[in-house]
Amino acid sequence: MAARRTAPIWSIGLRPFFLGAALFATLAVPVWLLLLLMSGDAAGLAAARAWHTHEMIFGFLPALIAGFLFTAIPNWTDRPPVSGGLLKALFLLWAAGRVAMALPMVPAFAAALADAS
């Protein structure tokens, strides 16, 4: 049987999730610093700190864990890795949570639902 062709980034889980985590950190840290510098009062500092804490725990860290597990579990169990369309869908679900949490016009319930997915 001919092997299905897919872009190398979608062939194993560590590639999109580690790259996504790196790009997310590259964008999120300057945004957080901007929020921190623009907030002049204690309430603004608390909001910036809460956003940073949330995104590191529920945004950055899950991408690293997912990338590691999607790579390690196939090696541990001798099963084929998640790849192709399913890996794209899982990565886009993670990215949708990051975008939903960043956009203020997204209702809180919808953002929480996307983030928890």
PDB file of N, CA and C in Angstrom:
ATOM      1  N   MET A   1       0.840  -1.185   0.000  1.00  0.00           N
ATOM      2  CA  MET A   1       0.000   0.000   0.000  1.00  0.00           C
ATOM      3  C   MET A   1       0.884   1.247   0.000  1.00  0.00           C
ATOM      4  N   ALA A   2       0.485   2.195  -0.766  1.00  0.00           N
ATOM      5  CA  ALA A   2       1.244   3.443  -0.819  1.00  0.00           C
ATOM      6  C   ALA A   2       0.991   4.245   0.451  1.00  0.00           C
ATOM      7  N   ALA A   3       2.052   4.797   1.001  1.00  0.00           N
ATOM      8  CA  ALA A   3       1.929   5.619   2.207  1.00  0.00           C
ATOM      9  C   ALA A   3       1.250   6.932   1.850  1.00  0.00           C
ATOM     10  N   ARG A   4       0.375   7.371   2.736  1.00  0.00           N
ATOM     11  CA  ARG A   4      -0.285   8.658   2.517  1.00  0.00           C
ATOM     12  C   ARG A   4       0.709   9.779   2.728  1.00  0.00           C
ATOM     13  N   ARG A   5       0.638  10.766   1.870  1.00  0.00           N
ATOM     14  CA  ARG A   5       1.551  11.902   1.958  1.00  0.00           C
ATOM     15  C   ARG A   5       0.935  12.971   2.854  1.00  0.00           C
ATOM     16  N   THR A   6       1.720  13.456   3.786  1.00  0.00           N
ATOM     17  CA  THR A   6       1.321  14.563   4.637  1.00  0.00           C
ATOM     18  C   THR A   6       2.554  15.418   4.895  1.00  0.00           C
ATOM     19  N   ALA A   7       2.334  16.658   5.187  1.00  0.00           N
ATOM     20  CA  ALA A   7       3.459  17.541   5.483  1.00  0.00           C
ATOM     21  C   ALA A   7       4.197  17.022   6.711  1.00  0.00           C
ATOM     22  N   PRO A   8       5.515  17.144   6.744  1.00  0.00           N
ATOM     23  CA  PRO A   8       6.284  16.605   7.869  1.00  0.00           C
ATOM     24  C   PRO A   8       5.839  17.134   9.233  1.00  0.00           C
ATOM     25  N   ILE A   9       5.348  18.365   9.282  1.00  0.00           N
ATOM     26  CA  ILE A   9       4.935  18.921  10.576  1.00  0.00           C
ATOM     27  C   ILE A   9       3.773  18.139  11.189  1.00  0.00           C
ATOM     28  N   TRP A  10       2.943  17.516  10.340  1.00  0.00           N
ATOM     29  CA  TRP A  10       1.774  16.780  10.835  1.00  0.00           C
ATOM     30  C   TRP A  10       2.034  15.285  10.961  1.00  0.00           C
ATOM     31  N   SER A  11       3.294  14.877  10.898  1.00  0.00           N
ATOM     32  CA  SER A  11       3.583  13.442  10.957  1.00  0.00           C
ATOM     33  C   SER A  11       3.764  12.915  12.373  1.00  0.00           C
ATOM     34  N   ILE A  12       4.084  13.769  13.313  1.00  0.00           N
ATOM     35  CA  ILE A  12       4.282  13.342  14.704  1.00  0.00           C
ATOM     36  C   ILE A  12       3.906  14.504  15.627  1.00  0.00           C
ATOM     37  N   GLY A  13       3.379  14.198  16.781  1.00  0.00           N
ATOM     38  CA  GLY A  13       2.765  15.193  17.651  1.00  0.00           C
ATOM     39  C   GLY A  13       3.667  16.273  18.199  1.00  0.00           C
ATOM     40  N   LEU A  14       4.947  15.974  18.382  1.00  0.00           N
ATOM     41  CA  LEU A  14       5.795  16.998  18.975  1.00  0.00           C
ATOM     42  C   LEU A  14       5.986  18.198  18.059  1.00  0.00           C
ATOM     43  N   ARG A  15       5.941  17.979  16.761  1.00  0.00           N
ATOM     44  CA  ARG A  15       6.243  19.076  15.835  1.00  0.00           C
ATOM     45  C   ARG A  15       5.238  20.231  15.919  1.00  0.00           C
ATOM     46  N   PRO A  16       3.946  20.007  15.719  1.00  0.00           N
ATOM     47  CA  PRO A  16       3.051  21.164  15.772  1.00  0.00           C
ATOM     48  C   PRO A  16       2.896  21.729  17.181  1.00  0.00           C
ATOM     49  N   PHE A  17       2.883  20.864  18.200  1.00  0.00           N
ATOM     50  CA  PHE A  17       2.642  21.363  19.550  1.00  0.00           C
ATOM     51  C   PHE A  17       3.858  22.076  20.126  1.00  0.00           C
ATOM     52  N   PHE A  18       5.066  21.593  19.896  1.00  0.00           N
ATOM     53  CA  PHE A  18       6.250  22.305  20.367  1.00  0.00           C
ATOM     54  C   PHE A  18       6.425  23.613  19.603  1.00  0.00           C
ATOM     55  N   LEU A  19       6.198  23.577  18.287  1.00  0.00           N
ATOM     56  CA  LEU A  19       6.277  24.804  17.502  1.00  0.00           C
ATOM     57  C   LEU A  19       5.199  25.793  17.930  1.00  0.00           C
ATOM     58  N   GLY A  20       3.980  25.295  18.145  1.00  0.00           N
ATOM     59  CA  GLY A  20       2.894  26.165  18.609  1.00  0.00           C
ATOM     60  C   GLY A  20       3.196  26.771  19.965  1.00  0.00           C
ATOM     61  N   ALA A  21       3.747  25.987  20.884  1.00  0.00           N
ATOM     62  CA  ALA A  21       4.101  26.508  22.205  1.00  0.00           C
ATOM     63  C   ALA A  21       5.180  27.578  22.089  1.00  0.00           C
ATOM     64  N   ALA A  22       6.164  27.353  21.236  1.00  0.00           N
ATOM     65  CA  ALA A  22       7.238  28.339  21.063  1.00  0.00           C
ATOM     66  C   ALA A  22       6.701  29.635  20.455  1.00  0.00           C
ATOM     67  N   LEU A  23       5.857  29.515  19.443  1.00  0.00           N
ATOM     68  CA  LEU A  23       5.277  30.718  18.830  1.00  0.00           C
ATOM     69  C   LEU A  23       4.348  31.433  19.803  1.00  0.00           C
ATOM     70  N   PHE A  24       3.582  30.655  20.556  1.00  0.00           N
ATOM     71  CA  PHE A  24       2.685  31.249  21.544  1.00  0.00           C
ATOM     72  C   PHE A  24       3.476  32.026  22.594  1.00  0.00           C
ATOM     73  N   ALA A  25       4.555  31.452  23.092  1.00  0.00           N
ATOM     74  CA  ALA A  25       5.377  32.147  24.082  1.00  0.00           C
ATOM     75  C   ALA A  25       6.013  33.396  23.483  1.00  0.00           C
ATOM     76  N   THR A  26       6.435  33.300  22.221  1.00  0.00           N
ATOM     77  CA  THR A  26       7.038  34.447  21.550  1.00  0.00           C
ATOM     78  C   THR A  26       6.062  35.606  21.436  1.00  0.00           C
ATOM     79  N   LEU A  27       4.768  35.308  21.256  1.00  0.00           N
ATOM     80  CA  LEU A  27       3.759  36.356  21.162  1.00  0.00           C
ATOM     81  C   LEU A  27       3.204  36.761  22.522  1.00  0.00           C
ATOM     82  N   ALA A  28       3.007  35.799  23.408  1.00  0.00           N
ATOM     83  CA  ALA A  28       2.329  36.066  24.676  1.00  0.00           C
ATOM     84  C   ALA A  28       3.186  36.884  25.642  1.00  0.00           C
ATOM     85  N   VAL A  29       4.471  36.644  25.680  1.00  0.00           N
ATOM     86  CA  VAL A  29       5.318  37.373  26.627  1.00  0.00           C
ATOM     87  C   VAL A  29       5.347  38.869  26.320  1.00  0.00           C
ATOM     88  N   PRO A  30       5.561  39.308  25.079  1.00  0.00           N
ATOM     89  CA  PRO A  30       5.495  40.751  24.816  1.00  0.00           C
ATOM     90  C   PRO A  30       4.114  41.346  25.088  1.00  0.00           C
ATOM     91  N   VAL A  31       3.054  40.605  24.782  1.00  0.00           N
ATOM     92  CA  VAL A  31       1.705  41.098  25.071  1.00  0.00           C
ATOM     93  C   VAL A  31       1.531  41.261  26.569  1.00  0.00           C
ATOM     94  N   TRP A  32       1.993  40.290  27.349  1.00  0.00           N
ATOM     95  CA  TRP A  32       1.881  40.375  28.796  1.00  0.00           C
ATOM     96  C   TRP A  32       2.681  41.560  29.331  1.00  0.00           C
ATOM     97  N   LEU A  33       3.893  41.766  28.813  1.00  0.00           N
ATOM     98  CA  LEU A  33       4.693  42.905  29.255  1.00  0.00           C
ATOM     99  C   LEU A  33       4.010  44.220  28.913  1.00  0.00           C
ATOM    100  N   LEU A  34       3.381  44.291  27.759  1.00  0.00           N
ATOM    101  CA  LEU A  34       2.641  45.487  27.375  1.00  0.00           C
ATOM    102  C   LEU A  34       1.466  45.720  28.324  1.00  0.00           C
ATOM    103  N   LEU A  35       0.718  44.659  28.629  1.00  0.00           N
ATOM    104  CA  LEU A  35      -0.383  44.783  29.588  1.00  0.00           C
ATOM    105  C   LEU A  35       0.127  45.219  30.950  1.00  0.00           C
ATOM    106  N   LEU A  36       1.244  44.676  31.350  1.00  0.00           N
ATOM    107  CA  LEU A  36       1.825  45.000  32.642  1.00  0.00           C
ATOM    108  C   LEU A  36       2.255  46.458  32.697  1.00  0.00           C
ATOM    109  N   LEU A  37       2.878  46.952  31.632  1.00  0.00           N
ATOM    110  CA  LEU A  37       3.339  48.332  31.591  1.00  0.00           C
ATOM    111  C   LEU A  37       2.187  49.325  31.471  1.00  0.00           C
ATOM    112  N   MET A  38       1.116  48.924  30.796  1.00  0.00           N
ATOM    113  CA  MET A  38      -0.022  49.829  30.600  1.00  0.00           C
ATOM    114  C   MET A  38      -0.915  49.914  31.831  1.00  0.00           C
ATOM    115  N   SER A  39      -0.892  48.916  32.695  1.00  0.00           N
ATOM    116  CA  SER A  39      -1.755  48.945  33.873  1.00  0.00           C
ATOM    117  C   SER A  39      -1.089  49.801  34.938  1.00  0.00           C
ATOM    118  N   GLY A  40      -1.797  50.815  35.357  1.00  0.00           N
ATOM    119  CA  GLY A  40      -1.218  51.745  36.321  1.00  0.00           C
ATOM    120  C   GLY A  40      -1.633  51.488  37.746  1.00  0.00           C
ATOM    121  N   ASP A  41      -2.692  50.743  37.954  1.00  0.00           N
ATOM    122  CA  ASP A  41      -3.178  50.521  39.310  1.00  0.00           C
ATOM    123  C   ASP A  41      -3.081  49.046  39.689  1.00  0.00           C
ATOM    124  N   ALA A  42      -3.411  48.755  40.931  1.00  0.00           N
ATOM    125  CA  ALA A  42      -3.301  47.374  41.428  1.00  0.00           C
ATOM    126  C   ALA A  42      -4.268  46.437  40.711  1.00  0.00           C
ATOM    127  N   ALA A  43      -5.444  46.928  40.337  1.00  0.00           N
ATOM    128  CA  ALA A  43      -6.415  46.078  39.635  1.00  0.00           C
ATOM    129  C   ALA A  43      -5.875  45.678  38.267  1.00  0.00           C
ATOM    130  N   GLY A  44      -5.230  46.594  37.574  1.00  0.00           N
ATOM    131  CA  GLY A  44      -4.642  46.287  36.273  1.00  0.00           C
ATOM    132  C   GLY A  44      -3.494  45.297  36.392  1.00  0.00           C
ATOM    133  N   LEU A  45      -2.698  45.449  37.442  1.00  0.00           N
ATOM    134  CA  LEU A  45      -1.606  44.501  37.671  1.00  0.00           C
ATOM    135  C   LEU A  45      -2.143  43.110  37.968  1.00  0.00           C
ATOM    136  N   ALA A  46      -3.213  43.041  38.742  1.00  0.00           N
ATOM    137  CA  ALA A  46      -3.816  41.738  39.067  1.00  0.00           C
ATOM    138  C   ALA A  46      -4.386  41.087  37.817  1.00  0.00           C
ATOM    139  N   ALA A  47      -5.012  41.869  36.941  1.00  0.00           N
ATOM    140  CA  ALA A  47      -5.579  41.315  35.711  1.00  0.00           C
ATOM    141  C   ALA A  47      -4.473  40.788  34.797  1.00  0.00           C
ATOM    142  N   ALA A  48      -3.388  41.543  34.666  1.00  0.00           N
ATOM    143  CA  ALA A  48      -2.273  41.101  33.824  1.00  0.00           C
ATOM    144  C   ALA A  48      -1.638  39.838  34.400  1.00  0.00           C
ATOM    145  N   ARG A  49      -1.497  39.791  35.720  1.00  0.00           N
ATOM    146  CA  ARG A  49      -0.919  38.609  36.362  1.00  0.00           C
ATOM    147  C   ARG A  49      -1.829  37.392  36.208  1.00  0.00           C
ATOM    148  N   ALA A  50      -3.130  37.599  36.356  1.00  0.00           N
ATOM    149  CA  ALA A  50      -4.083  36.492  36.205  1.00  0.00           C
ATOM    150  C   ALA A  50      -4.063  35.952  34.769  1.00  0.00           C
ATOM    151  N   TRP A  51      -4.016  36.838  33.772  1.00  0.00           N
ATOM    152  CA  TRP A  51      -3.966  36.392  32.378  1.00  0.00           C
ATOM    153  C   TRP A  51      -2.685  35.602  32.120  1.00  0.00           C
ATOM    154  N   HIS A  52      -1.565  36.127  32.621  1.00  0.00           N
ATOM    155  CA  HIS A  52      -0.285  35.443  32.419  1.00  0.00           C
ATOM    156  C   HIS A  52      -0.296  34.060  33.084  1.00  0.00           C
ATOM    157  N   THR A  53      -0.789  33.989  34.299  1.00  0.00           N
ATOM    158  CA  THR A  53      -0.861  32.710  35.009  1.00  0.00           C
ATOM    159  C   THR A  53      -1.734  31.722  34.249  1.00  0.00           C
ATOM    160  N   HIS A  54      -2.899  32.183  33.805  1.00  0.00           N
ATOM    161  CA  HIS A  54      -3.815  31.306  33.078  1.00  0.00           C
ATOM    162  C   HIS A  54      -3.189  30.784  31.799  1.00  0.00           C
ATOM    163  N   GLU A  55      -2.587  31.656  31.033  1.00  0.00           N
ATOM    164  CA  GLU A  55      -2.036  31.243  29.745  1.00  0.00           C
ATOM    165  C   GLU A  55      -0.819  30.332  29.893  1.00  0.00           C
ATOM    166  N   MET A  56      -0.042  30.499  30.931  1.00  0.00           N
ATOM    167  CA  MET A  56       1.104  29.601  31.136  1.00  0.00           C
ATOM    168  C   MET A  56       0.628  28.219  31.589  1.00  0.00           C
ATOM    169  N   ILE A  57      -0.387  28.186  32.469  1.00  0.00           N
ATOM    170  CA  ILE A  57      -0.865  26.902  32.992  1.00  0.00           C
ATOM    171  C   ILE A  57      -1.780  26.196  31.997  1.00  0.00           C
ATOM    172  N   PHE A  58      -2.678  26.923  31.350  1.00  0.00           N
ATOM    173  CA  PHE A  58      -3.669  26.292  30.478  1.00  0.00           C
ATOM    174  C   PHE A  58      -3.401  26.479  28.991  1.00  0.00           C
ATOM    175  N   GLY A  59      -2.358  27.205  28.621  1.00  0.00           N
ATOM    176  CA  GLY A  59      -2.031  27.408  27.216  1.00  0.00           C
ATOM    177  C   GLY A  59      -0.697  26.816  26.830  1.00  0.00           C
ATOM    178  N   PHE A  60       0.361  27.310  27.455  1.00  0.00           N
ATOM    179  CA  PHE A  60       1.716  26.893  27.108  1.00  0.00           C
ATOM    180  C   PHE A  60       2.007  25.468  27.572  1.00  0.00           C
ATOM    181  N   LEU A  61       1.759  25.186  28.825  1.00  0.00           N
ATOM    182  CA  LEU A  61       2.078  23.877  29.390  1.00  0.00           C
ATOM    183  C   LEU A  61       1.321  22.724  28.718  1.00  0.00           C
ATOM    184  N   PRO A  62       0.014  22.835  28.455  1.00  0.00           N
ATOM    185  CA  PRO A  62      -0.669  21.730  27.766  1.00  0.00           C
ATOM    186  C   PRO A  62      -0.116  21.443  26.372  1.00  0.00           C
ATOM    187  N   ALA A  63       0.355  22.461  25.666  1.00  0.00           N
ATOM    188  CA  ALA A  63       0.945  22.216  24.347  1.00  0.00           C
ATOM    189  C   ALA A  63       2.216  21.388  24.482  1.00  0.00           C
ATOM    190  N   LEU A  64       3.023  21.687  25.486  1.00  0.00           N
ATOM    191  CA  LEU A  64       4.236  20.905  25.704  1.00  0.00           C
ATOM    192  C   LEU A  64       3.913  19.483  26.129  1.00  0.00           C
ATOM    193  N   ILE A  65       2.944  19.327  27.019  1.00  0.00           N
ATOM    194  CA  ILE A  65       2.554  17.996  27.477  1.00  0.00           C
ATOM    195  C   ILE A  65       1.981  17.186  26.316  1.00  0.00           C
ATOM    196  N   ALA A  66       1.119  17.809  25.516  1.00  0.00           N
ATOM    197  CA  ALA A  66       0.525  17.106  24.373  1.00  0.00           C
ATOM    198  C   ALA A  66       1.601  16.681  23.380  1.00  0.00           C
ATOM    199  N   GLY A  67       2.533  17.569  23.073  1.00  0.00           N
ATOM    200  CA  GLY A  67       3.611  17.225  22.150  1.00  0.00           C
ATOM    201  C   GLY A  67       4.436  16.067  22.661  1.00  0.00           C
ATOM    202  N   PHE A  68       4.738  16.081  23.955  1.00  0.00           N
ATOM    203  CA  PHE A  68       5.516  14.984  24.535  1.00  0.00           C
ATOM    204  C   PHE A  68       4.725  13.675  24.497  1.00  0.00           C
ATOM    205  N   LEU A  69       3.469  13.708  24.943  1.00  0.00           N
ATOM    206  CA  LEU A  69       2.689  12.475  25.016  1.00  0.00           C
ATOM    207  C   LEU A  69       2.355  11.915  23.638  1.00  0.00           C
ATOM    208  N   PHE A  70       2.052  12.786  22.675  1.00  0.00           N
ATOM    209  CA  PHE A  70       1.757  12.298  21.328  1.00  0.00           C
ATOM    210  C   PHE A  70       2.984  11.671  20.674  1.00  0.00           C
ATOM    211  N   THR A  71       4.162  11.953  21.208  1.00  0.00           N
ATOM    212  CA  THR A  71       5.385  11.350  20.694  1.00  0.00           C
ATOM    213  C   THR A  71       5.794  10.138  21.526  1.00  0.00           C
ATOM    214  N   ALA A  72       5.678  10.235  22.829  1.00  0.00           N
ATOM    215  CA  ALA A  72       6.154   9.166  23.709  1.00  0.00           C
ATOM    216  C   ALA A  72       5.234   7.953  23.710  1.00  0.00           C
ATOM    217  N   ILE A  73       3.929   8.167  23.719  1.00  0.00           N
ATOM    218  CA  ILE A  73       3.005   7.039  23.822  1.00  0.00           C
ATOM    219  C   ILE A  73       3.148   6.069  22.653  1.00  0.00           C
ATOM    220  N   PRO A  74       3.266   6.519  21.394  1.00  0.00           N
ATOM    221  CA  PRO A  74       3.498   5.539  20.322  1.00  0.00           C
ATOM    222  C   PRO A  74       4.796   4.750  20.514  1.00  0.00           C
ATOM    223  N   ASN A  75       5.812   5.388  21.062  1.00  0.00           N
ATOM    224  CA  ASN A  75       7.061   4.669  21.318  1.00  0.00           C
ATOM    225  C   ASN A  75       6.902   3.654  22.447  1.00  0.00           C
ATOM    226  N   TRP A  76       6.110   3.985  23.450  1.00  0.00           N
ATOM    227  CA  TRP A  76       5.923   3.085  24.591  1.00  0.00           C
ATOM    228  C   TRP A  76       5.009   1.911  24.250  1.00  0.00           C
ATOM    229  N   THR A  77       4.048   2.137  23.366  1.00  0.00           N
ATOM    230  CA  THR A  77       3.022   1.123  23.114  1.00  0.00           C
ATOM    231  C   THR A  77       3.149   0.448  21.758  1.00  0.00           C
ATOM    232  N   ASP A  78       4.102   0.835  20.952  1.00  0.00           N
ATOM    233  CA  ASP A  78       4.273   0.298  19.596  1.00  0.00           C
ATOM    234  C   ASP A  78       3.023   0.466  18.740  1.00  0.00           C
ATOM    235  N   ARG A  79       2.319   1.559  18.936  1.00  0.00           N
ATOM    236  CA  ARG A  79       1.162   1.900  18.111  1.00  0.00           C
ATOM    237  C   ARG A  79       1.555   3.044  17.196  1.00  0.00           C
ATOM    238  N   PRO A  80       0.865   3.204  16.083  1.00  0.00           N
ATOM    239  CA  PRO A  80       1.195   4.324  15.190  1.00  0.00           C
ATOM    240  C   PRO A  80       0.849   5.665  15.854  1.00  0.00           C
ATOM    241  N   PRO A  81       1.632   6.693  15.570  1.00  0.00           N
ATOM    242  CA  PRO A  81       1.356   7.993  16.184  1.00  0.00           C
ATOM    243  C   PRO A  81       0.129   8.664  15.575  1.00  0.00           C
ATOM    244  N   VAL A  82      -0.466   9.547  16.347  1.00  0.00           N
ATOM    245  CA  VAL A  82      -1.541  10.389  15.820  1.00  0.00           C
ATOM    246  C   VAL A  82      -0.895  11.326  14.812  1.00  0.00           C
ATOM    247  N   SER A  83      -1.446  11.368  13.613  1.00  0.00           N
ATOM    248  CA  SER A  83      -0.848  12.211  12.576  1.00  0.00           C
ATOM    249  C   SER A  83      -1.927  12.661  11.600  1.00  0.00           C
ATOM    250  N   GLY A  84      -1.526  13.519  10.690  1.00  0.00           N
ATOM    251  CA  GLY A  84      -2.422  13.962   9.631  1.00  0.00           C
ATOM    252  C   GLY A  84      -3.582  14.810  10.128  1.00  0.00           C
ATOM    253  N   GLY A  85      -4.763  14.481   9.632  1.00  0.00           N
ATOM    254  CA  GLY A  85      -5.956  15.278   9.909  1.00  0.00           C
ATOM    255  C   GLY A  85      -6.341  15.331  11.379  1.00  0.00           C
ATOM    256  N   LEU A  86      -6.228  14.223  12.081  1.00  0.00           N
ATOM    257  CA  LEU A  86      -6.572  14.213  13.504  1.00  0.00           C
ATOM    258  C   LEU A  86      -5.618  15.098  14.304  1.00  0.00           C
ATOM    259  N   LEU A  87      -4.354  15.047  13.988  1.00  0.00           N
ATOM    260  CA  LEU A  87      -3.371  15.896  14.666  1.00  0.00           C
ATOM    261  C   LEU A  87      -3.640  17.367  14.358  1.00  0.00           C
ATOM    262  N   LYS A  88      -3.994  17.672  13.116  1.00  0.00           N
ATOM    263  CA  LYS A  88      -4.344  19.050  12.749  1.00  0.00           C
ATOM    264  C   LYS A  88      -5.545  19.531  13.551  1.00  0.00           C
ATOM    265  N   ALA A  89      -6.564  18.681  13.659  1.00  0.00           N
ATOM    266  CA  ALA A  89      -7.772  19.051  14.395  1.00  0.00           C
ATOM    267  C   ALA A  89      -7.465  19.304  15.874  1.00  0.00           C
ATOM    268  N   LEU A  90      -6.660  18.468  16.483  1.00  0.00           N
ATOM    269  CA  LEU A  90      -6.303  18.650  17.889  1.00  0.00           C
ATOM    270  C   LEU A  90      -5.480  19.919  18.091  1.00  0.00           C
ATOM    271  N   PHE A  91      -4.562  20.176  17.175  1.00  0.00           N
ATOM    272  CA  PHE A  91      -3.763  21.395  17.279  1.00  0.00           C
ATOM    273  C   PHE A  91      -4.636  22.640  17.087  1.00  0.00           C
ATOM    274  N   LEU A  92      -5.544  22.592  16.126  1.00  0.00           N
ATOM    275  CA  LEU A  92      -6.437  23.738  15.905  1.00  0.00           C
ATOM    276  C   LEU A  92      -7.367  23.964  17.086  1.00  0.00           C
ATOM    277  N   LEU A  93      -7.754  22.902  17.764  1.00  0.00           N
ATOM    278  CA  LEU A  93      -8.572  23.034  18.970  1.00  0.00           C
ATOM    279  C   LEU A  93      -7.776  23.754  20.059  1.00  0.00           C
ATOM    280  N   TRP A  94      -6.507  23.402  20.218  1.00  0.00           N
ATOM    281  CA  TRP A  94      -5.657  24.099  21.186  1.00  0.00           C
ATOM    282  C   TRP A  94      -5.501  25.572  20.788  1.00  0.00           C
ATOM    283  N   ALA A  95      -5.251  25.815  19.511  1.00  0.00           N
ATOM    284  CA  ALA A  95      -5.063  27.193  19.030  1.00  0.00           C
ATOM    285  C   ALA A  95      -6.348  28.010  19.175  1.00  0.00           C
ATOM    286  N   ALA A  96      -7.498  27.386  18.962  1.00  0.00           N
ATOM    287  CA  ALA A  96      -8.775  28.093  19.122  1.00  0.00           C
ATOM    288  C   ALA A  96      -8.960  28.553  20.560  1.00  0.00           C
ATOM    289  N   GLY A  97      -8.550  27.742  21.507  1.00  0.00           N
ATOM    290  CA  GLY A  97      -8.616  28.152  22.908  1.00  0.00           C
ATOM    291  C   GLY A  97      -7.738  29.348  23.196  1.00  0.00           C
ATOM    292  N   ARG A  98      -6.559  29.390  22.575  1.00  0.00           N
ATOM    293  CA  ARG A  98      -5.665  30.527  22.791  1.00  0.00           C
ATOM    294  C   ARG A  98      -6.259  31.801  22.183  1.00  0.00           C
ATOM    295  N   VAL A  99      -6.820  31.679  20.982  1.00  0.00           N
ATOM    296  CA  VAL A  99      -7.406  32.848  20.320  1.00  0.00           C
ATOM    297  C   VAL A  99      -8.644  33.318  21.075  1.00  0.00           C
ATOM    298  N   ALA A 100      -9.481  32.390  21.507  1.00  0.00           N
ATOM    299  CA  ALA A 100     -10.704  32.763  22.229  1.00  0.00           C
ATOM    300  C   ALA A 100     -10.389  33.482  23.531  1.00  0.00           C
ATOM    301  N   MET A 101      -9.337  33.062  24.207  1.00  0.00           N
ATOM    302  CA  MET A 101      -8.966  33.719  25.467  1.00  0.00           C
ATOM    303  C   MET A 101      -8.329  35.081  25.231  1.00  0.00           C
ATOM    304  N   ALA A 102      -7.771  35.308  24.054  1.00  0.00           N
ATOM    305  CA  ALA A 102      -7.093  36.570  23.777  1.00  0.00           C
ATOM    306  C   ALA A 102      -8.036  37.653  23.269  1.00  0.00           C
ATOM    307  N   LEU A 103      -9.148  37.255  22.661  1.00  0.00           N
ATOM    308  CA  LEU A 103     -10.051  38.245  22.073  1.00  0.00           C
ATOM    309  C   LEU A 103     -11.110  38.663  23.085  1.00  0.00           C
ATOM    310  N   PRO A 104     -11.172  39.955  23.402  1.00  0.00           N
ATOM    311  CA  PRO A 104     -12.139  40.399  24.408  1.00  0.00           C
ATOM    312  C   PRO A 104     -13.596  40.326  23.945  1.00  0.00           C
ATOM    313  N   MET A 105     -13.835  40.279  22.630  1.00  0.00           N
ATOM    314  CA  MET A 105     -15.220  40.255  22.149  1.00  0.00           C
ATOM    315  C   MET A 105     -15.844  38.863  22.218  1.00  0.00           C
ATOM    316  N   VAL A 106     -15.058  37.847  22.505  1.00  0.00           N
ATOM    317  CA  VAL A 106     -15.590  36.486  22.642  1.00  0.00           C
ATOM    318  C   VAL A 106     -16.260  36.381  24.009  1.00  0.00           C
ATOM    319  N   PRO A 107     -17.513  35.950  24.056  1.00  0.00           N
ATOM    320  CA  PRO A 107     -18.184  35.793  25.356  1.00  0.00           C
ATOM    321  C   PRO A 107     -17.404  34.859  26.264  1.00  0.00           C
ATOM    322  N   ALA A 108     -17.461  35.124  27.558  1.00  0.00           N
ATOM    323  CA  ALA A 108     -16.665  34.381  28.533  1.00  0.00           C
ATOM    324  C   ALA A 108     -16.975  32.877  28.477  1.00  0.00           C
ATOM    325  N   PHE A 109     -18.250  32.525  28.328  1.00  0.00           N
ATOM    326  CA  PHE A 109     -18.612  31.106  28.300  1.00  0.00           C
ATOM    327  C   PHE A 109     -18.031  30.419  27.064  1.00  0.00           C
ATOM    328  N   ALA A 110     -18.091  31.094  25.916  1.00  0.00           N
ATOM    329  CA  ALA A 110     -17.548  30.519  24.679  1.00  0.00           C
ATOM    330  C   ALA A 110     -16.027  30.391  24.773  1.00  0.00           C
ATOM    331  N   ALA A 111     -15.379  31.393  25.353  1.00  0.00           N
ATOM    332  CA  ALA A 111     -13.928  31.321  25.512  1.00  0.00           C
ATOM    333  C   ALA A 111     -13.543  30.188  26.454  1.00  0.00           C
ATOM    334  N   ALA A 112     -14.279  30.043  27.545  1.00  0.00           N
ATOM    335  CA  ALA A 112     -13.992  28.971  28.508  1.00  0.00           C
ATOM    336  C   ALA A 112     -14.228  27.599  27.859  1.00  0.00           C
ATOM    337  N   LEU A 113     -15.269  27.487  27.053  1.00  0.00           N
ATOM    338  CA  LEU A 113     -15.559  26.220  26.378  1.00  0.00           C
ATOM    339  C   LEU A 113     -14.451  25.855  25.380  1.00  0.00           C
ATOM    340  N   ALA A 114     -14.016  26.838  24.601  1.00  0.00           N
ATOM    341  CA  ALA A 114     -12.932  26.595  23.640  1.00  0.00           C
ATOM    342  C   ALA A 114     -11.641  26.278  24.369  1.00  0.00           C
ATOM    343  N   ASP A 115     -11.384  26.978  25.456  1.00  0.00           N
ATOM    344  CA  ASP A 115     -10.159  26.758  26.204  1.00  0.00           C
ATOM    345  C   ASP A 115     -10.141  25.394  26.874  1.00  0.00           C
ATOM    346  N   ALA A 116     -11.278  24.971  27.389  1.00  0.00           N
ATOM    347  CA  ALA A 116     -11.345  23.667  28.070  1.00  0.00           C
ATOM    348  C   ALA A 116     -11.323  22.496  27.091  1.00  0.00           C
ATOM    349  N   SER A 117     -11.701  22.756  25.848  1.00  0.00           N
ATOM    350  CA  SER A 117     -11.722  21.675  24.861  1.00  0.00           C
ATOM    351  C   SER A 117     -10.324  21.241  24.554  1.00  0.00           C
TER     352      SER A 117
END
